[in-house]
Amino acid sequence: MDQEKTSQKVVFLDRDGVINRDSSNYIKSWSEFEFIPGSLEAIRQLTLNGFVIIIITNQSVINRNLVAIIPW
């Protein structure tokens, strides 16, 4: 018997410089966050096309616990 395989489409997006404008002072709050033009629309289009969006970052501000990690 053949089993139908399902796959999920996933895209990983780096936060700083891809979704929001990068800053040498770290982005620690929503008030410092500035979306790059077109990034929200791109995320919307990916979502509408069945992609699961995973936001990643390698900013040391996370490891230093200077900002809370909040799932969207």
Protein backbone atom coordinates (compact mmCIF):
# COMPACT_ATOMS: atom_id res chain seq x y z
CA MET A 1 0.00 0.00 0.00
CA ASP A 2 1.40 3.41 -0.96
CA GLN A 3 1.49 5.99 1.74
CA GLU A 4 0.94 9.55 0.67
CA LYS A 5 3.85 11.69 1.78
CA THR A 6 3.18 15.23 2.80
CA SER A 7 5.81 17.88 3.09
CA GLN A 8 5.70 21.25 4.65
CA LYS A 9 7.27 24.26 3.04
CA VAL A 10 9.42 26.23 5.46
CA VAL A 11 11.46 29.39 5.00
CA PHE A 12 14.00 30.73 7.47
CA LEU A 13 14.43 34.51 7.47
CA ASP A 14 17.18 36.37 9.24
CA ARG A 15 15.73 39.19 11.29
CA ASP A 16 18.25 42.02 11.06
CA GLY A 17 18.90 43.28 7.57
CA VAL A 18 16.22 41.09 5.98
CA ILE A 19 12.99 41.95 7.81
CA ASN A 20 14.08 45.05 9.69
CA ARG A 21 16.79 47.65 9.32
CA ASP A 22 19.97 46.57 11.04
CA SER A 23 21.48 48.66 13.83
CA SER A 24 24.89 48.56 15.49
CA ASN A 25 23.09 49.38 18.79
CA TYR A 26 21.01 46.18 18.66
CA ILE A 27 17.25 46.07 18.30
CA LYS A 28 15.91 45.56 21.82
CA SER A 29 12.29 46.66 21.56
CA TRP A 30 9.47 47.24 19.08
CA SER A 31 10.11 50.99 19.29
CA GLU A 32 13.57 50.40 17.76
CA PHE A 33 12.27 47.97 15.13
CA GLU A 34 11.85 49.37 11.61
CA PHE A 35 10.52 47.06 8.90
CA ILE A 36 12.40 47.13 5.59
CA PRO A 37 9.97 48.24 2.86
CA GLY A 38 8.39 45.20 1.24
CA SER A 39 9.38 42.74 3.97
CA LEU A 40 5.90 42.41 5.45
CA GLU A 41 4.37 41.91 2.01
CA ALA A 42 7.00 39.25 1.21
CA ILE A 43 6.17 37.42 4.45
CA ARG A 44 2.46 37.69 3.64
CA GLN A 45 3.00 36.24 0.16
CA LEU A 46 5.09 33.37 1.52
CA THR A 47 2.37 32.62 4.09
CA LEU A 48 -0.37 32.73 1.45
CA ASN A 49 1.67 30.26 -0.61
CA GLY A 50 1.77 27.76 2.23
CA PHE A 51 5.15 28.49 3.78
CA VAL A 52 5.78 28.32 7.51
CA ILE A 53 7.90 31.34 8.44
CA ILE A 54 10.70 30.96 10.98
CA ILE A 55 12.55 34.10 12.05
CA ILE A 56 16.16 33.63 13.10
CA THR A 57 18.88 35.92 14.41
CA ASN A 58 22.45 35.58 15.50
CA GLN A 59 22.47 38.82 17.48
CA SER A 60 24.31 38.55 20.80
CA VAL A 61 21.60 40.68 22.42
CA ILE A 62 19.53 37.47 22.58
CA ASN A 63 22.26 35.46 24.30
CA ARG A 64 22.90 38.31 26.74
CA ASN A 65 19.22 38.24 27.76
CA LEU A 66 18.84 41.95 26.95
CA VAL A 67 15.60 41.22 25.14
CA ALA A 68 12.74 38.78 25.70
CA ILE A 69 12.00 36.22 23.02
CA ILE A 70 8.33 36.47 22.11
CA PRO A 71 6.81 34.19 19.44
CA TRP A 72 4.81 36.04 16.80
